[in-house]
Amino acid sequence: MLTHLNISNNHISGVIPPQLGKAIQLQQLDLSSNHVSGKIPKELGVLPLLFKLFLVDNSLSRSIPLKLGKIADLESLDLASNNLRGPIPKQIGNLWKFSSLNLSGNRFVDSIPNEIGKMHRLGSLDLSQNMLTGEIPPLQYLETLNLSHNQLSGTIPHTFDDLISLTSADISYNQLEGPLPNIKAFAPFEAFKDNKGLCGNNFTHLKPCNASLKKPSKLSSPRADVEDLFATWGHDEELLYEQVIQGTNNFGSKHWIGSGGYGTVYKAELPNGWIVTVKKLHYSSEDGGEVADLKFIC
């Protein structure tokens, strides 16, 4: 009886034969890193003992067969790096033994099914690099989460604050806004960069969520403002410089305020909500070239 079939990392082409659905003793199927094309046969959904299905890094297309949601013993499903499309079927939520789900690098659309949040054994979820929209549903029990490079919007569910098991998270490159969960998994800047309007937790450089922007006082000291700026960013000048480049679109004309005094003045909005005025100073070097430097005016 065939119980394990692993022919990954070869040069196999063609389609997955529907006849595999007759191998009723099959427990593991791994066809990863080949040139398999066509659709995922619905006949795989009748394999009663299958608990690992790895089809990552192929050229599979169309949608996920709904019958995959009937494989009661399925624990790990990896369909990453294919050309699969359509919505993620909510029937996946029926797989109560699921511990790992990877659908990254495909063309899935619509929202993340709420049913995924009810999978109590799910520890690893990767839906990155798709075209998912809508809000993030309440998720629980996760250890790793990657939702980056989608079109997700809205706020992050407050239940994430209770996800103490979460050790790694990436929600970057979306359109999320509002409070960032107050857990260490979201501490690295790379975990949340390039979103619409997130506000901070205790581990980040983001602006406080309920902070109102104050108009600068005419009596305030520019030196003090600059010191506050570097205190917020932990004197990480390299990171601050990178954010100024992004905040001015590489010193684009749209952010230009004026010129004079051996430099050009720009306005930049940093990811933490600070709006700063930056003068790009120009000096002549010994070899006759030009050297640029930055001065924060705040």
C-alpha atoms as a PDB file:
ATOM      1  CA  MET A   1       0.000   0.000   0.000  1.00  0.00           C
ATOM      2  CA  LEU A   2       1.265   3.458  -0.901  1.00  0.00           C
ATOM      3  CA  THR A   3       1.431   5.595   2.252  1.00  0.00           C
ATOM      4  CA  HIS A   4       4.121   8.185   1.413  1.00  0.00           C
ATOM      5  CA  LEU A   5       4.900   9.775  -1.957  1.00  0.00           C
ATOM      6  CA  ASN A   6       7.737  12.303  -2.064  1.00  0.00           C
ATOM      7  CA  ILE A   7       9.089  13.279  -5.483  1.00  0.00           C
ATOM      8  CA  SER A   8       9.940  16.900  -4.695  1.00  0.00           C
ATOM      9  CA  ASN A   9      12.821  18.860  -6.247  1.00  0.00           C
ATOM     10  CA  ASN A  10      12.788  17.175  -9.610  1.00  0.00           C
ATOM     11  CA  HIS A  11      11.830  18.222 -13.128  1.00  0.00           C
ATOM     12  CA  ILE A  12       8.432  16.577 -13.227  1.00  0.00           C
ATOM     13  CA  SER A  13       5.914  18.249 -15.504  1.00  0.00           C
ATOM     14  CA  GLY A  14       2.311  17.651 -16.499  1.00  0.00           C
ATOM     15  CA  VAL A  15      -0.747  17.488 -14.264  1.00  0.00           C
ATOM     16  CA  ILE A  16      -1.456  15.729 -10.987  1.00  0.00           C
ATOM     17  CA  PRO A  17      -3.249  12.486 -11.933  1.00  0.00           C
ATOM     18  CA  PRO A  18      -6.765  12.253 -10.462  1.00  0.00           C
ATOM     19  CA  GLN A  19      -6.092   8.546  -9.936  1.00  0.00           C
ATOM     20  CA  LEU A  20      -4.122   9.486  -6.805  1.00  0.00           C
ATOM     21  CA  GLY A  21      -7.516   9.770  -5.153  1.00  0.00           C
ATOM     22  CA  LYS A  22      -7.695   5.958  -5.217  1.00  0.00           C
ATOM     23  CA  ALA A  23      -4.577   5.604  -3.028  1.00  0.00           C
ATOM     24  CA  ILE A  24      -6.723   5.553   0.088  1.00  0.00           C
ATOM     25  CA  GLN A  25      -3.783   4.682   2.378  1.00  0.00           C
ATOM     26  CA  LEU A  26      -1.785   7.744   1.298  1.00  0.00           C
ATOM     27  CA  GLN A  27      -0.705   9.834   4.294  1.00  0.00           C
ATOM     28  CA  GLN A  28       1.883  12.219   2.829  1.00  0.00           C
ATOM     29  CA  LEU A  29       2.085  13.708  -0.670  1.00  0.00           C
ATOM     30  CA  ASP A  30       4.967  16.024  -1.607  1.00  0.00           C
ATOM     31  CA  LEU A  31       5.336  17.219  -5.198  1.00  0.00           C
ATOM     32  CA  SER A  32       7.105  20.478  -4.302  1.00  0.00           C
ATOM     33  CA  SER A  33       9.569  22.304  -6.567  1.00  0.00           C
ATOM     34  CA  ASN A  34       8.670  20.722  -9.868  1.00  0.00           C
ATOM     35  CA  HIS A  35       6.941  21.934 -13.027  1.00  0.00           C
ATOM     36  CA  VAL A  36       3.507  20.535 -12.275  1.00  0.00           C
ATOM     37  CA  SER A  37       0.697  22.528 -13.902  1.00  0.00           C
ATOM     38  CA  GLY A  38      -3.074  22.446 -14.236  1.00  0.00           C
ATOM     39  CA  LYS A  39      -5.494  22.282 -11.351  1.00  0.00           C
ATOM     40  CA  ILE A  40      -5.394  20.507  -8.006  1.00  0.00           C
ATOM     41  CA  PRO A  41      -7.600  17.437  -8.573  1.00  0.00           C
ATOM     42  CA  LYS A  42     -10.666  17.348  -6.352  1.00  0.00           C
ATOM     43  CA  GLU A  43     -10.111  13.595  -5.997  1.00  0.00           C
ATOM     44  CA  LEU A  44      -7.419  14.337  -3.377  1.00  0.00           C
ATOM     45  CA  GLY A  45     -10.245  15.400  -1.095  1.00  0.00           C
ATOM     46  CA  VAL A  46     -11.357  11.798  -0.593  1.00  0.00           C
ATOM     47  CA  LEU A  47      -8.047  10.582   0.865  1.00  0.00           C
ATOM     48  CA  PRO A  48      -9.097   9.771   4.452  1.00  0.00           C
ATOM     49  CA  LEU A  49      -5.611   9.409   5.955  1.00  0.00           C
ATOM     50  CA  LEU A  50      -3.766  12.260   4.224  1.00  0.00           C
ATOM     51  CA  PHE A  51      -2.201  14.589   6.808  1.00  0.00           C
ATOM     52  CA  LYS A  52       0.518  16.363   4.779  1.00  0.00           C
ATOM     53  CA  LEU A  53       0.009  17.885   1.331  1.00  0.00           C
ATOM     54  CA  PHE A  54       2.915  19.875  -0.122  1.00  0.00           C
ATOM     55  CA  LEU A  55       2.545  21.252  -3.660  1.00  0.00           C
ATOM     56  CA  VAL A  56       4.691  24.368  -3.188  1.00  0.00           C
ATOM     57  CA  ASP A  57       6.695  25.950  -6.035  1.00  0.00           C
ATOM     58  CA  ASN A  58       4.919  24.636  -9.105  1.00  0.00           C
ATOM     59  CA  SER A  59       2.689  26.148 -11.793  1.00  0.00           C
ATOM     60  CA  LEU A  60      -0.675  25.072 -10.465  1.00  0.00           C
ATOM     61  CA  SER A  61      -3.612  27.293 -11.399  1.00  0.00           C
ATOM     62  CA  ARG A  62      -7.357  27.743 -10.856  1.00  0.00           C
ATOM     63  CA  SER A  63      -8.897  27.614  -7.392  1.00  0.00           C
ATOM     64  CA  ILE A  64      -8.514  25.350  -4.368  1.00  0.00           C
ATOM     65  CA  PRO A  65     -11.002  22.456  -4.645  1.00  0.00           C
ATOM     66  CA  LEU A  66     -13.686  22.700  -1.970  1.00  0.00           C
ATOM     67  CA  LYS A  67     -13.297  18.993  -1.301  1.00  0.00           C
ATOM     68  CA  LEU A  68      -9.905  19.588   0.307  1.00  0.00           C
ATOM     69  CA  GLY A  69     -11.924  20.852   3.259  1.00  0.00           C
ATOM     70  CA  LYS A  70     -13.168  17.322   3.811  1.00  0.00           C
ATOM     71  CA  ILE A  71      -9.768  15.752   4.532  1.00  0.00           C
ATOM     72  CA  ALA A  72     -10.387  15.343   8.249  1.00  0.00           C
ATOM     73  CA  ASP A  73      -6.820  14.358   9.190  1.00  0.00           C
ATOM     74  CA  LEU A  74      -5.014  17.060   7.193  1.00  0.00           C
ATOM     75  CA  GLU A  75      -2.484  18.868   9.411  1.00  0.00           C
ATOM     76  CA  SER A  76      -0.181  20.698   6.982  1.00  0.00           C
ATOM     77  CA  LEU A  77      -1.067  22.280   3.649  1.00  0.00           C
ATOM     78  CA  ASP A  78       1.556  24.138   1.611  1.00  0.00           C
ATOM     79  CA  LEU A  79       0.453  25.522  -1.754  1.00  0.00           C
ATOM     80  CA  ALA A  80       2.876  28.466  -1.838  1.00  0.00           C
ATOM     81  CA  SER A  81       4.413  29.890  -5.014  1.00  0.00           C
ATOM     82  CA  ASN A  82       1.885  28.786  -7.603  1.00  0.00           C
ATOM     83  CA  ASN A  83      -0.682  30.597  -9.748  1.00  0.00           C
ATOM     84  CA  LEU A  84      -3.732  29.669  -7.710  1.00  0.00           C
ATOM     85  CA  ARG A  85      -6.533  32.221  -7.675  1.00  0.00           C
ATOM     86  CA  GLY A  86     -10.019  32.972  -6.444  1.00  0.00           C
ATOM     87  CA  PRO A  87     -11.124  33.321  -2.828  1.00  0.00           C
ATOM     88  CA  ILE A  88      -9.709  31.165  -0.046  1.00  0.00           C
ATOM     89  CA  PRO A  89     -12.485  28.601   0.559  1.00  0.00           C
ATOM     90  CA  LYS A  90     -14.093  28.877   3.984  1.00  0.00           C
ATOM     91  CA  GLN A  91     -14.301  25.068   4.024  1.00  0.00           C
ATOM     92  CA  ILE A  92     -10.651  25.117   5.117  1.00  0.00           C
ATOM     93  CA  GLY A  93     -12.012  26.029   8.535  1.00  0.00           C
ATOM     94  CA  ASN A  94     -13.385  22.488   8.792  1.00  0.00           C
ATOM     95  CA  LEU A  95      -9.848  21.135   9.100  1.00  0.00           C
ATOM     96  CA  TRP A  96      -9.691  21.235  12.875  1.00  0.00           C
ATOM     97  CA  LYS A  97      -6.358  19.360  13.022  1.00  0.00           C
ATOM     98  CA  PHE A  98      -4.582  22.006  10.940  1.00  0.00           C
ATOM     99  CA  SER A  99      -1.251  23.169  12.397  1.00  0.00           C
ATOM    100  CA  SER A 100       0.307  24.843   9.337  1.00  0.00           C
ATOM    101  CA  LEU A 101      -1.217  26.650   6.339  1.00  0.00           C
ATOM    102  CA  ASN A 102       0.874  28.331   3.643  1.00  0.00           C
ATOM    103  CA  LEU A 103      -0.892  29.888   0.642  1.00  0.00           C
ATOM    104  CA  SER A 104       1.684  32.610  -0.019  1.00  0.00           C
ATOM    105  CA  GLY A 105       2.816  33.740  -3.443  1.00  0.00           C
ATOM    106  CA  ASN A 106      -0.428  33.122  -5.296  1.00  0.00           C
ATOM    107  CA  ARG A 107      -3.282  35.290  -6.593  1.00  0.00           C
ATOM    108  CA  PHE A 108      -5.950  34.772  -3.969  1.00  0.00           C
ATOM    109  CA  VAL A 109      -8.538  37.548  -3.675  1.00  0.00           C
ATOM    110  CA  ASP A 110     -11.339  38.693  -1.365  1.00  0.00           C
ATOM    111  CA  SER A 111     -11.159  38.566   2.409  1.00  0.00           C
ATOM    112  CA  ILE A 112      -9.542  36.113   4.805  1.00  0.00           C
ATOM    113  CA  PRO A 113     -12.271  33.662   5.898  1.00  0.00           C
ATOM    114  CA  ASN A 114     -13.356  34.095   9.517  1.00  0.00           C
ATOM    115  CA  GLU A 115     -13.292  30.318   9.795  1.00  0.00           C
ATOM    116  CA  ILE A 116      -9.480  30.370   9.818  1.00  0.00           C
ATOM    117  CA  GLY A 117      -9.611  32.188  13.139  1.00  0.00           C
ATOM    118  CA  LYS A 118     -11.505  29.283  14.690  1.00  0.00           C
ATOM    119  CA  MET A 119      -8.827  26.678  13.963  1.00  0.00           C
ATOM    120  CA  HIS A 120      -7.549  26.012  17.472  1.00  0.00           C
ATOM    121  CA  ARG A 121      -4.488  23.994  16.463  1.00  0.00           C
ATOM    122  CA  LEU A 122      -3.262  26.360  13.742  1.00  0.00           C
ATOM    123  CA  GLY A 123       0.220  27.540  14.736  1.00  0.00           C
ATOM    124  CA  SER A 124       1.631  28.857  11.454  1.00  0.00           C
ATOM    125  CA  LEU A 125      -0.285  30.948   8.899  1.00  0.00           C
ATOM    126  CA  ASP A 126       1.283  32.477   5.775  1.00  0.00           C
ATOM    127  CA  LEU A 127      -0.997  34.284   3.320  1.00  0.00           C
ATOM    128  CA  SER A 128       1.586  36.795   2.111  1.00  0.00           C
ATOM    129  CA  GLN A 129       2.012  38.037  -1.458  1.00  0.00           C
ATOM    130  CA  ASN A 130      -1.557  37.651  -2.612  1.00  0.00           C
ATOM    131  CA  MET A 131      -4.321  40.149  -3.422  1.00  0.00           C
ATOM    132  CA  LEU A 132      -6.387  39.740  -0.273  1.00  0.00           C
ATOM    133  CA  THR A 133      -8.638  42.621   0.779  1.00  0.00           C
ATOM    134  CA  GLY A 134     -10.871  43.498   3.702  1.00  0.00           C
ATOM    135  CA  GLU A 135     -10.048  43.335   7.393  1.00  0.00           C
ATOM    136  CA  ILE A 136      -7.988  40.823   9.346  1.00  0.00           C
ATOM    137  CA  PRO A 137     -10.339  38.448  11.190  1.00  0.00           C
ATOM    138  CA  PRO A 138      -9.775  37.583  14.857  1.00  0.00           C
ATOM    139  CA  LEU A 139      -6.996  34.995  14.993  1.00  0.00           C
ATOM    140  CA  GLN A 140      -5.853  32.934  17.947  1.00  0.00           C
ATOM    141  CA  TYR A 141      -3.252  30.389  19.072  1.00  0.00           C
ATOM    142  CA  LEU A 142      -0.801  31.365  16.296  1.00  0.00           C
ATOM    143  CA  GLU A 143       2.979  31.226  16.696  1.00  0.00           C
ATOM    144  CA  THR A 144       3.946  32.692  13.303  1.00  0.00           C
ATOM    145  CA  LEU A 145       1.898  34.957  11.039  1.00  0.00           C
ATOM    146  CA  ASN A 146       2.670  36.515   7.660  1.00  0.00           C
ATOM    147  CA  LEU A 147       0.040  38.643   5.915  1.00  0.00           C
ATOM    148  CA  SER A 148       2.464  40.991   4.154  1.00  0.00           C
ATOM    149  CA  HIS A 149       2.134  42.259   0.586  1.00  0.00           C
ATOM    150  CA  ASN A 150      -1.645  42.214   0.296  1.00  0.00           C
ATOM    151  CA  GLN A 151      -4.335  44.911   0.220  1.00  0.00           C
ATOM    152  CA  LEU A 152      -5.715  44.399   3.724  1.00  0.00           C
ATOM    153  CA  SER A 153      -7.332  47.429   5.335  1.00  0.00           C
ATOM    154  CA  GLY A 154      -9.058  48.521   8.521  1.00  0.00           C
ATOM    155  CA  THR A 155      -7.766  47.992  12.030  1.00  0.00           C
ATOM    156  CA  ILE A 156      -6.074  44.983  13.601  1.00  0.00           C
ATOM    157  CA  PRO A 157      -8.397  43.044  15.962  1.00  0.00           C
ATOM    158  CA  HIS A 158      -7.790  43.901  19.619  1.00  0.00           C
ATOM    159  CA  THR A 159      -7.678  40.169  20.344  1.00  0.00           C
ATOM    160  CA  PHE A 160      -4.116  40.200  18.980  1.00  0.00           C
ATOM    161  CA  ASP A 161      -3.022  41.763  22.266  1.00  0.00           C
ATOM    162  CA  ASP A 162      -3.718  38.392  23.865  1.00  0.00           C
ATOM    163  CA  LEU A 163      -1.694  36.399  21.338  1.00  0.00           C
ATOM    164  CA  ILE A 164       1.172  35.739  23.740  1.00  0.00           C
ATOM    165  CA  SER A 165       2.128  32.632  21.741  1.00  0.00           C
ATOM    166  CA  LEU A 166       2.905  34.755  18.652  1.00  0.00           C
ATOM    167  CA  THR A 167       6.677  35.018  18.200  1.00  0.00           C
ATOM    168  CA  SER A 168       6.913  36.223  14.597  1.00  0.00           C
ATOM    169  CA  ALA A 169       4.549  38.501  12.651  1.00  0.00           C
ATOM    170  CA  ASP A 170       4.644  40.414   9.377  1.00  0.00           C
ATOM    171  CA  ILE A 171       1.793  42.679   8.257  1.00  0.00           C
ATOM    172  CA  SER A 172       3.923  45.014   6.132  1.00  0.00           C
ATOM    173  CA  TYR A 173       2.850  46.423   2.768  1.00  0.00           C
ATOM    174  CA  ASN A 174      -0.884  46.643   3.375  1.00  0.00           C
ATOM    175  CA  GLN A 175      -3.314  49.501   4.068  1.00  0.00           C
ATOM    176  CA  LEU A 176      -3.835  48.878   7.776  1.00  0.00           C
ATOM    177  CA  GLU A 177      -4.412  51.631  10.318  1.00  0.00           C
ATOM    178  CA  GLY A 178      -5.088  52.105  14.002  1.00  0.00           C
ATOM    179  CA  PRO A 179      -3.376  50.538  17.032  1.00  0.00           C
ATOM    180  CA  LEU A 180      -0.574  48.046  16.565  1.00  0.00           C
ATOM    181  CA  PRO A 181      -0.883  45.038  18.913  1.00  0.00           C
ATOM    182  CA  ASN A 182       1.030  45.535  22.131  1.00  0.00           C
ATOM    183  CA  ILE A 183       3.168  42.410  21.831  1.00  0.00           C
ATOM    184  CA  LYS A 184       6.838  41.909  20.950  1.00  0.00           C
ATOM    185  CA  ALA A 185       6.104  40.085  17.691  1.00  0.00           C
ATOM    186  CA  PHE A 186       5.264  43.485  16.182  1.00  0.00           C
ATOM    187  CA  ALA A 187       8.328  45.273  17.582  1.00  0.00           C
ATOM    188  CA  PRO A 188      10.618  45.128  14.474  1.00  0.00           C
ATOM    189  CA  PHE A 189      10.021  47.960  12.015  1.00  0.00           C
ATOM    190  CA  GLU A 190       9.992  45.440   9.148  1.00  0.00           C
ATOM    191  CA  ALA A 191       6.947  43.766  10.697  1.00  0.00           C
ATOM    192  CA  PHE A 192       4.602  46.706  10.067  1.00  0.00           C
ATOM    193  CA  LYS A 193       6.229  49.114   7.603  1.00  0.00           C
ATOM    194  CA  ASP A 194       4.413  50.554   4.588  1.00  0.00           C
ATOM    195  CA  ASN A 195       0.878  50.669   5.918  1.00  0.00           C
ATOM    196  CA  LYS A 196      -1.694  53.434   5.872  1.00  0.00           C
ATOM    197  CA  GLY A 197      -1.744  54.779   9.404  1.00  0.00           C
ATOM    198  CA  LEU A 198      -0.683  52.504  12.235  1.00  0.00           C
ATOM    199  CA  CYS A 199      -0.058  53.941  15.669  1.00  0.00           C
ATOM    200  CA  GLY A 200       2.298  52.655  18.291  1.00  0.00           C
ATOM    201  CA  ASN A 201       2.680  50.096  20.984  1.00  0.00           C
ATOM    202  CA  ASN A 202       5.261  49.991  23.763  1.00  0.00           C
ATOM    203  CA  PHE A 203       7.903  48.381  21.542  1.00  0.00           C
ATOM    204  CA  THR A 204       7.863  50.618  18.444  1.00  0.00           C
ATOM    205  CA  HIS A 205       8.763  54.125  17.310  1.00  0.00           C
ATOM    206  CA  LEU A 206       5.220  54.848  16.141  1.00  0.00           C
ATOM    207  CA  LYS A 207       3.273  57.810  17.460  1.00  0.00           C
ATOM    208  CA  PRO A 208       0.921  57.119  20.391  1.00  0.00           C
ATOM    209  CA  CYS A 209      -2.545  56.210  19.185  1.00  0.00           C
ATOM    210  CA  ASN A 210      -4.409  58.912  21.094  1.00  0.00           C
ATOM    211  CA  ALA A 211      -1.800  61.625  20.753  1.00  0.00           C
ATOM    212  CA  SER A 212      -2.935  64.827  19.154  1.00  0.00           C
ATOM    213  CA  LEU A 213      -0.493  66.706  16.989  1.00  0.00           C
ATOM    214  CA  LYS A 214       0.596  69.933  18.645  1.00  0.00           C
ATOM    215  CA  LYS A 215       1.351  73.046  16.689  1.00  0.00           C
ATOM    216  CA  PRO A 216       4.963  74.041  17.251  1.00  0.00           C
ATOM    217  CA  SER A 217       5.335  76.897  19.699  1.00  0.00           C
ATOM    218  CA  LYS A 218       7.118  80.008  18.534  1.00  0.00           C
ATOM    219  CA  LEU A 219       9.056  79.898  21.796  1.00  0.00           C
ATOM    220  CA  SER A 220      10.099  76.264  21.486  1.00  0.00           C
ATOM    221  CA  SER A 221      13.731  75.486  20.947  1.00  0.00           C
ATOM    222  CA  PRO A 222      14.613  73.853  17.594  1.00  0.00           C
ATOM    223  CA  ARG A 223      17.490  72.150  19.386  1.00  0.00           C
ATOM    224  CA  ALA A 224      15.071  70.594  21.890  1.00  0.00           C
ATOM    225  CA  ASP A 225      12.817  69.382  19.073  1.00  0.00           C
ATOM    226  CA  VAL A 226      15.748  67.722  17.348  1.00  0.00           C
ATOM    227  CA  GLU A 227      16.771  66.075  20.618  1.00  0.00           C
ATOM    228  CA  ASP A 228      13.209  64.760  21.004  1.00  0.00           C
ATOM    229  CA  LEU A 229      13.340  63.456  17.468  1.00  0.00           C
ATOM    230  CA  PHE A 230      16.529  61.483  18.072  1.00  0.00           C
ATOM    231  CA  ALA A 231      15.270  60.286  21.451  1.00  0.00           C
ATOM    232  CA  THR A 232      12.199  58.855  19.718  1.00  0.00           C
ATOM    233  CA  TRP A 233      14.340  57.060  17.165  1.00  0.00           C
ATOM    234  CA  GLY A 234      16.987  55.905  19.634  1.00  0.00           C
ATOM    235  CA  HIS A 235      19.774  57.834  17.837  1.00  0.00           C
ATOM    236  CA  ASP A 236      19.498  55.418  14.929  1.00  0.00           C
ATOM    237  CA  GLU A 237      20.657  57.962  12.368  1.00  0.00           C
ATOM    238  CA  GLU A 238      20.801  55.450   9.529  1.00  0.00           C
ATOM    239  CA  LEU A 239      17.164  54.433  10.028  1.00  0.00           C
ATOM    240  CA  LEU A 240      16.103  58.071  10.419  1.00  0.00           C
ATOM    241  CA  TYR A 241      17.888  59.044   7.203  1.00  0.00           C
ATOM    242  CA  GLU A 242      16.131  56.184   5.366  1.00  0.00           C
ATOM    243  CA  GLN A 243      12.756  57.408   6.629  1.00  0.00           C
ATOM    244  CA  VAL A 244      13.503  60.965   5.510  1.00  0.00           C
ATOM    245  CA  ILE A 245      14.323  59.682   2.038  1.00  0.00           C
ATOM    246  CA  GLN A 246      10.980  57.850   1.951  1.00  0.00           C
ATOM    247  CA  GLY A 247       9.099  60.755   3.544  1.00  0.00           C
ATOM    248  CA  THR A 248      10.321  63.157   0.848  1.00  0.00           C
ATOM    249  CA  ASN A 249      10.089  60.659  -2.011  1.00  0.00           C
ATOM    250  CA  ASN A 250      13.856  60.954  -2.435  1.00  0.00           C
ATOM    251  CA  PHE A 251      13.668  64.754  -2.095  1.00  0.00           C
ATOM    252  CA  GLY A 252      11.030  65.079  -4.779  1.00  0.00           C
ATOM    253  CA  SER A 253       9.684  68.441  -5.917  1.00  0.00           C
ATOM    254  CA  LYS A 254       6.301  67.733  -4.281  1.00  0.00           C
ATOM    255  CA  HIS A 255       7.954  68.037  -0.859  1.00  0.00           C
ATOM    256  CA  TRP A 256      10.057  71.112  -1.698  1.00  0.00           C
ATOM    257  CA  ILE A 257       9.439  74.158   0.502  1.00  0.00           C
ATOM    258  CA  GLY A 258      12.169  76.599  -0.505  1.00  0.00           C
ATOM    259  CA  SER A 259      15.865  77.231  -1.078  1.00  0.00           C
ATOM    260  CA  GLY A 260      18.566  79.413   0.358  1.00  0.00           C
ATOM    261  CA  GLY A 261      21.473  79.419   2.786  1.00  0.00           C
ATOM    262  CA  TYR A 262      23.482  76.811   0.862  1.00  0.00           C
ATOM    263  CA  GLY A 263      20.660  74.309   0.877  1.00  0.00           C
ATOM    264  CA  THR A 264      17.167  73.243  -0.126  1.00  0.00           C
ATOM    265  CA  VAL A 265      14.343  72.789   2.405  1.00  0.00           C
ATOM    266  CA  TYR A 266      11.870  69.892   2.300  1.00  0.00           C
ATOM    267  CA  LYS A 267       8.971  68.693   4.446  1.00  0.00           C
ATOM    268  CA  ALA A 268       8.915  65.015   5.410  1.00  0.00           C
ATOM    269  CA  GLU A 269       6.342  62.921   7.272  1.00  0.00           C
ATOM    270  CA  LEU A 270       7.938  60.066   9.196  1.00  0.00           C
ATOM    271  CA  PRO A 271       6.181  56.732   9.898  1.00  0.00           C
ATOM    272  CA  ASN A 272       5.734  57.690  13.574  1.00  0.00           C
ATOM    273  CA  GLY A 273       3.609  60.699  12.577  1.00  0.00           C
ATOM    274  CA  TRP A 274       6.302  63.353  13.016  1.00  0.00           C
ATOM    275  CA  ILE A 275       6.273  66.053  10.371  1.00  0.00           C
ATOM    276  CA  VAL A 276       9.769  67.514  10.132  1.00  0.00           C
ATOM    277  CA  THR A 277      11.450  70.167   8.068  1.00  0.00           C
ATOM    278  CA  VAL A 278      14.783  69.102   6.650  1.00  0.00           C
ATOM    279  CA  LYS A 279      17.391  71.237   4.984  1.00  0.00           C
ATOM    280  CA  LYS A 280      19.587  69.447   2.478  1.00  0.00           C
ATOM    281  CA  LEU A 281      22.889  71.286   2.681  1.00  0.00           C
ATOM    282  CA  HIS A 282      25.334  71.400  -0.219  1.00  0.00           C
ATOM    283  CA  TYR A 283      29.081  71.769   0.159  1.00  0.00           C
ATOM    284  CA  SER A 284      31.908  71.819  -2.352  1.00  0.00           C
ATOM    285  CA  SER A 285      34.454  69.055  -1.874  1.00  0.00           C
ATOM    286  CA  GLU A 286      38.196  69.347  -2.431  1.00  0.00           C
ATOM    287  CA  ASP A 287      37.993  67.668  -5.826  1.00  0.00           C
ATOM    288  CA  GLY A 288      35.409  70.158  -7.031  1.00  0.00           C
ATOM    289  CA  GLY A 289      32.428  67.849  -6.539  1.00  0.00           C
ATOM    290  CA  GLU A 290      29.384  68.440  -4.357  1.00  0.00           C
ATOM    291  CA  VAL A 291      28.680  66.862  -0.971  1.00  0.00           C
ATOM    292  CA  ALA A 292      25.160  66.783   0.490  1.00  0.00           C
ATOM    293  CA  ASP A 293      24.287  66.745   4.193  1.00  0.00           C
ATOM    294  CA  LEU A 294      21.057  66.966   6.177  1.00  0.00           C
ATOM    295  CA  LYS A 295      20.062  69.398   8.912  1.00  0.00           C
ATOM    296  CA  PHE A 296      16.866  68.868  10.891  1.00  0.00           C
ATOM    297  CA  ILE A 297      15.001  72.090  11.528  1.00  0.00           C
ATOM    298  CA  CYS A 298      11.820  70.522  12.988  1.00  0.00           C
END
